[in-house]
Amino acid sequence: MRLTEAQCEQIMRAVHDRIGPDAEVWLYGSRTHAGERGGDVDLLIRTGRPVGVLEQAGLQDRLERELLLPVDVSFVDPARGMTRFQRLVAVGALPLGAAR
């Protein structure tokens, strides 16, 4: 994983502050591969409630400002479950943190 412990803590703090303490967060994409360079921070987030578009944008903005990196956030809809894309990326995703 190409994130520092401090970056992981920043992500979890931001997610729990803005979305709630029940949120679970996984990292997927290029930052899960130690040998690669660069890339954005791809996050898959699951929570027990629907997350509105403004909440999603607010979280993404906060993460990008705090991490100084581009961030892509994908939220699992609790009523519908994972999309095909989310199921695909979840296979190689690494857990950053679970619900408190």
N, C-alpha and C. Protein backbone atom coordinates (compact mmCIF):
# COMPACT_ATOMS: atom_id res chain seq x y z
N MET A 1 0.85 -1.17 0.00
CA MET A 1 0.00 0.00 0.00
C MET A 1 0.90 1.24 0.00
N ARG A 2 0.58 2.17 -0.87
CA ARG A 2 1.38 3.37 -0.97
C ARG A 2 0.70 4.57 -0.32
N LEU A 3 0.32 4.40 0.92
CA LEU A 3 -0.16 5.49 1.77
C LEU A 3 0.55 5.34 3.11
N THR A 4 0.87 6.47 3.72
CA THR A 4 1.49 6.41 5.03
C THR A 4 0.43 6.15 6.09
N GLU A 5 0.88 5.77 7.27
CA GLU A 5 -0.06 5.57 8.38
C GLU A 5 -0.80 6.87 8.67
N ALA A 6 -0.09 8.00 8.60
CA ALA A 6 -0.71 9.30 8.85
C ALA A 6 -1.79 9.60 7.80
N GLN A 7 -1.54 9.26 6.54
CA GLN A 7 -2.55 9.47 5.50
C GLN A 7 -3.77 8.59 5.73
N CYS A 8 -3.55 7.35 6.13
CA CYS A 8 -4.67 6.45 6.43
C CYS A 8 -5.52 7.01 7.58
N GLU A 9 -4.85 7.52 8.60
CA GLU A 9 -5.56 8.11 9.73
C GLU A 9 -6.34 9.35 9.30
N GLN A 10 -5.75 10.19 8.43
CA GLN A 10 -6.45 11.37 7.92
C GLN A 10 -7.72 10.96 7.17
N ILE A 11 -7.59 9.93 6.34
CA ILE A 11 -8.74 9.46 5.57
C ILE A 11 -9.84 8.98 6.50
N MET A 12 -9.47 8.13 7.46
CA MET A 12 -10.49 7.59 8.36
C MET A 12 -11.15 8.68 9.20
N ARG A 13 -10.37 9.63 9.67
CA ARG A 13 -10.92 10.74 10.46
C ARG A 13 -11.92 11.54 9.62
N ALA A 14 -11.53 11.87 8.39
CA ALA A 14 -12.41 12.64 7.51
C ALA A 14 -13.70 11.88 7.20
N VAL A 15 -13.57 10.60 6.90
CA VAL A 15 -14.75 9.79 6.58
C VAL A 15 -15.68 9.70 7.80
N HIS A 16 -15.12 9.41 8.95
CA HIS A 16 -15.96 9.29 10.15
C HIS A 16 -16.57 10.62 10.56
N ASP A 17 -15.84 11.73 10.39
CA ASP A 17 -16.38 13.06 10.70
C ASP A 17 -17.52 13.44 9.78
N ARG A 18 -17.35 13.20 8.47
CA ARG A 18 -18.32 13.69 7.49
C ARG A 18 -19.43 12.69 7.17
N ILE A 19 -19.13 11.40 7.25
CA ILE A 19 -20.10 10.38 6.84
C ILE A 19 -20.68 9.64 8.04
N GLY A 20 -19.86 9.40 9.05
CA GLY A 20 -20.34 8.73 10.24
C GLY A 20 -19.41 7.62 10.70
N PRO A 21 -19.52 7.26 11.97
CA PRO A 21 -18.60 6.27 12.54
C PRO A 21 -18.83 4.84 12.06
N ASP A 22 -19.94 4.60 11.36
CA ASP A 22 -20.21 3.24 10.88
C ASP A 22 -19.57 2.97 9.52
N ALA A 23 -18.92 3.96 8.94
CA ALA A 23 -18.36 3.82 7.59
C ALA A 23 -17.15 2.88 7.58
N GLU A 24 -17.12 2.03 6.56
CA GLU A 24 -15.98 1.15 6.31
C GLU A 24 -15.31 1.64 5.04
N VAL A 25 -13.98 1.63 5.02
CA VAL A 25 -13.24 2.23 3.91
C VAL A 25 -12.21 1.24 3.38
N TRP A 26 -12.18 1.10 2.05
CA TRP A 26 -11.18 0.27 1.36
C TRP A 26 -10.45 1.10 0.33
N LEU A 27 -9.17 0.82 0.17
CA LEU A 27 -8.34 1.44 -0.85
C LEU A 27 -8.25 0.46 -2.02
N TYR A 28 -8.44 0.97 -3.24
CA TYR A 28 -8.27 0.13 -4.43
C TYR A 28 -7.48 0.92 -5.47
N GLY A 29 -7.11 0.27 -6.53
CA GLY A 29 -6.42 0.95 -7.62
C GLY A 29 -4.91 0.92 -7.45
N SER A 30 -4.25 1.86 -8.13
CA SER A 30 -2.79 1.84 -8.22
C SER A 30 -2.09 1.98 -6.87
N ARG A 31 -2.70 2.65 -5.92
CA ARG A 31 -2.04 2.84 -4.63
C ARG A 31 -2.00 1.56 -3.78
N THR A 32 -2.62 0.50 -4.24
CA THR A 32 -2.51 -0.78 -3.54
C THR A 32 -1.28 -1.56 -3.99
N HIS A 33 -0.59 -1.06 -5.01
CA HIS A 33 0.58 -1.75 -5.57
C HIS A 33 1.85 -1.00 -5.19
N ALA A 34 2.68 -1.63 -4.38
CA ALA A 34 3.88 -0.99 -3.84
C ALA A 34 4.87 -0.57 -4.92
N GLY A 35 4.95 -1.28 -6.00
CA GLY A 35 5.95 -1.00 -7.02
C GLY A 35 5.60 0.12 -7.98
N GLU A 36 4.38 0.63 -7.93
CA GLU A 36 3.96 1.67 -8.86
C GLU A 36 4.25 3.05 -8.29
N ARG A 37 4.09 4.07 -9.13
CA ARG A 37 4.32 5.45 -8.70
C ARG A 37 3.10 6.29 -9.06
N GLY A 38 2.94 7.38 -8.29
CA GLY A 38 1.87 8.33 -8.60
C GLY A 38 0.49 7.74 -8.43
N GLY A 39 -0.45 8.36 -9.08
CA GLY A 39 -1.82 7.88 -9.04
C GLY A 39 -2.66 8.58 -7.99
N ASP A 40 -3.96 8.54 -8.22
CA ASP A 40 -4.87 9.14 -7.25
C ASP A 40 -5.16 8.14 -6.14
N VAL A 41 -5.91 8.59 -5.16
CA VAL A 41 -6.31 7.74 -4.04
C VAL A 41 -7.74 7.29 -4.33
N ASP A 42 -7.92 6.01 -4.60
CA ASP A 42 -9.23 5.45 -4.92
C ASP A 42 -9.81 4.78 -3.68
N LEU A 43 -10.98 5.26 -3.26
CA LEU A 43 -11.61 4.74 -2.04
C LEU A 43 -12.99 4.18 -2.33
N LEU A 44 -13.28 3.05 -1.73
CA LEU A 44 -14.60 2.43 -1.76
C LEU A 44 -15.14 2.52 -0.33
N ILE A 45 -16.31 3.13 -0.17
CA ILE A 45 -16.85 3.37 1.17
C ILE A 45 -18.23 2.74 1.28
N ARG A 46 -18.41 2.01 2.38
CA ARG A 46 -19.72 1.40 2.67
C ARG A 46 -20.20 1.91 4.02
N THR A 47 -21.46 2.29 4.05
CA THR A 47 -22.09 2.75 5.28
C THR A 47 -23.53 2.30 5.29
N GLY A 48 -24.17 2.34 6.42
CA GLY A 48 -25.52 1.83 6.55
C GLY A 48 -26.61 2.76 6.09
N ARG A 49 -26.25 3.92 5.56
CA ARG A 49 -27.26 4.88 5.12
C ARG A 49 -26.86 5.46 3.77
N PRO A 50 -27.84 5.95 3.02
CA PRO A 50 -27.50 6.60 1.75
C PRO A 50 -26.69 7.88 2.02
N VAL A 51 -25.74 8.17 1.17
CA VAL A 51 -24.92 9.36 1.30
C VAL A 51 -25.23 10.27 0.11
N GLY A 52 -25.70 11.47 0.42
CA GLY A 52 -26.09 12.41 -0.62
C GLY A 52 -24.91 12.93 -1.43
N VAL A 53 -25.22 13.46 -2.58
CA VAL A 53 -24.20 13.96 -3.49
C VAL A 53 -23.39 15.08 -2.85
N LEU A 54 -24.02 15.97 -2.11
CA LEU A 54 -23.29 17.06 -1.46
C LEU A 54 -22.35 16.53 -0.38
N GLU A 55 -22.78 15.52 0.36
CA GLU A 55 -21.90 14.90 1.35
C GLU A 55 -20.71 14.23 0.68
N GLN A 56 -20.97 13.55 -0.43
CA GLN A 56 -19.89 12.89 -1.16
C GLN A 56 -18.87 13.92 -1.67
N ALA A 57 -19.37 14.99 -2.26
CA ALA A 57 -18.48 16.04 -2.77
C ALA A 57 -17.71 16.71 -1.64
N GLY A 58 -18.37 16.94 -0.51
CA GLY A 58 -17.70 17.55 0.62
C GLY A 58 -16.57 16.69 1.15
N LEU A 59 -16.80 15.39 1.21
CA LEU A 59 -15.76 14.47 1.67
C LEU A 59 -14.59 14.46 0.69
N GLN A 60 -14.89 14.36 -0.60
CA GLN A 60 -13.84 14.33 -1.60
C GLN A 60 -13.01 15.62 -1.54
N ASP A 61 -13.66 16.76 -1.41
CA ASP A 61 -12.96 18.03 -1.31
C ASP A 61 -12.05 18.07 -0.09
N ARG A 62 -12.57 17.65 1.05
CA ARG A 62 -11.76 17.65 2.28
C ARG A 62 -10.54 16.75 2.13
N LEU A 63 -10.75 15.55 1.59
CA LEU A 63 -9.63 14.62 1.43
C LEU A 63 -8.57 15.17 0.50
N GLU A 64 -8.99 15.77 -0.60
CA GLU A 64 -8.02 16.31 -1.54
C GLU A 64 -7.23 17.47 -0.93
N ARG A 65 -7.90 18.30 -0.14
CA ARG A 65 -7.21 19.42 0.52
C ARG A 65 -6.24 18.92 1.58
N GLU A 66 -6.64 17.91 2.35
CA GLU A 66 -5.79 17.42 3.44
C GLU A 66 -4.64 16.55 2.93
N LEU A 67 -4.90 15.71 1.95
CA LEU A 67 -3.87 14.79 1.45
C LEU A 67 -2.98 15.42 0.38
N LEU A 68 -3.48 16.50 -0.23
CA LEU A 68 -2.78 17.13 -1.35
C LEU A 68 -2.57 16.15 -2.50
N LEU A 69 -3.59 15.32 -2.71
CA LEU A 69 -3.59 14.32 -3.77
C LEU A 69 -4.99 14.27 -4.38
N PRO A 70 -5.10 13.88 -5.65
CA PRO A 70 -6.42 13.65 -6.21
C PRO A 70 -7.06 12.42 -5.56
N VAL A 71 -8.36 12.50 -5.28
CA VAL A 71 -9.08 11.43 -4.60
C VAL A 71 -10.33 11.09 -5.40
N ASP A 72 -10.59 9.79 -5.55
CA ASP A 72 -11.81 9.30 -6.19
C ASP A 72 -12.54 8.45 -5.17
N VAL A 73 -13.79 8.81 -4.89
CA VAL A 73 -14.55 8.11 -3.86
C VAL A 73 -15.77 7.45 -4.49
N SER A 74 -15.95 6.16 -4.20
CA SER A 74 -17.11 5.41 -4.66
C SER A 74 -17.87 4.90 -3.44
N PHE A 75 -19.16 5.28 -3.34
CA PHE A 75 -19.99 4.88 -2.20
C PHE A 75 -20.89 3.72 -2.59
N VAL A 76 -20.95 2.72 -1.74
CA VAL A 76 -21.86 1.59 -1.94
C VAL A 76 -23.24 2.02 -1.48
N ASP A 77 -24.23 1.88 -2.34
CA ASP A 77 -25.62 2.20 -1.99
C ASP A 77 -26.15 1.08 -1.09
N PRO A 78 -26.54 1.40 0.16
CA PRO A 78 -26.97 0.33 1.07
C PRO A 78 -28.23 -0.39 0.61
N ALA A 79 -29.08 0.26 -0.17
CA ALA A 79 -30.32 -0.37 -0.64
C ALA A 79 -30.07 -1.28 -1.84
N ARG A 80 -29.13 -0.92 -2.68
CA ARG A 80 -28.88 -1.68 -3.90
C ARG A 80 -27.67 -2.59 -3.84
N GLY A 81 -26.78 -2.34 -2.89
CA GLY A 81 -25.54 -3.12 -2.82
C GLY A 81 -24.52 -2.60 -3.81
N MET A 82 -23.48 -3.38 -4.00
CA MET A 82 -22.38 -2.96 -4.86
C MET A 82 -22.77 -3.03 -6.33
N THR A 83 -22.25 -2.06 -7.07
CA THR A 83 -22.39 -2.09 -8.52
C THR A 83 -21.40 -3.13 -9.07
N ARG A 84 -21.51 -3.40 -10.34
CA ARG A 84 -20.58 -4.33 -10.99
C ARG A 84 -19.15 -3.81 -10.85
N PHE A 85 -18.95 -2.52 -11.08
CA PHE A 85 -17.62 -1.92 -10.93
C PHE A 85 -17.10 -2.08 -9.50
N GLN A 86 -17.93 -1.79 -8.52
CA GLN A 86 -17.51 -1.89 -7.12
C GLN A 86 -17.15 -3.33 -6.75
N ARG A 87 -17.91 -4.30 -7.24
CA ARG A 87 -17.58 -5.71 -6.98
C ARG A 87 -16.23 -6.06 -7.59
N LEU A 88 -15.97 -5.53 -8.77
CA LEU A 88 -14.71 -5.80 -9.45
C LEU A 88 -13.52 -5.23 -8.67
N VAL A 89 -13.61 -3.97 -8.23
CA VAL A 89 -12.47 -3.37 -7.52
C VAL A 89 -12.35 -3.89 -6.10
N ALA A 90 -13.45 -4.35 -5.51
CA ALA A 90 -13.41 -4.85 -4.13
C ALA A 90 -12.53 -6.09 -4.00
N VAL A 91 -12.39 -6.84 -5.09
CA VAL A 91 -11.59 -8.07 -5.07
C VAL A 91 -10.15 -7.78 -4.62
N GLY A 92 -9.56 -6.70 -5.12
CA GLY A 92 -8.19 -6.37 -4.78
C GLY A 92 -8.04 -5.24 -3.78
N ALA A 93 -9.15 -4.79 -3.20
CA ALA A 93 -9.12 -3.65 -2.29
C ALA A 93 -8.52 -4.03 -0.94
N LEU A 94 -7.87 -3.05 -0.34
CA LEU A 94 -7.26 -3.23 0.99
C LEU A 94 -8.05 -2.42 2.00
N PRO A 95 -8.41 -3.03 3.13
CA PRO A 95 -9.16 -2.28 4.15
C PRO A 95 -8.31 -1.20 4.80
N LEU A 96 -8.85 0.00 4.87
CA LEU A 96 -8.19 1.08 5.60
C LEU A 96 -8.71 1.16 7.02
N GLY A 97 -9.97 0.84 7.17
CA GLY A 97 -10.56 0.90 8.50
C GLY A 97 -12.00 0.46 8.48
N ALA A 98 -12.43 -0.01 9.60
CA ALA A 98 -13.81 -0.47 9.74
C ALA A 98 -14.55 0.48 10.66
N ALA A 99 -15.81 0.20 10.84
CA ALA A 99 -16.64 1.01 11.73
C ALA A 99 -16.06 1.01 13.13
N ARG A 100 -16.21 2.12 13.80
CA ARG A 100 -15.75 2.22 15.19
C ARG A 100 -16.71 1.55 16.13
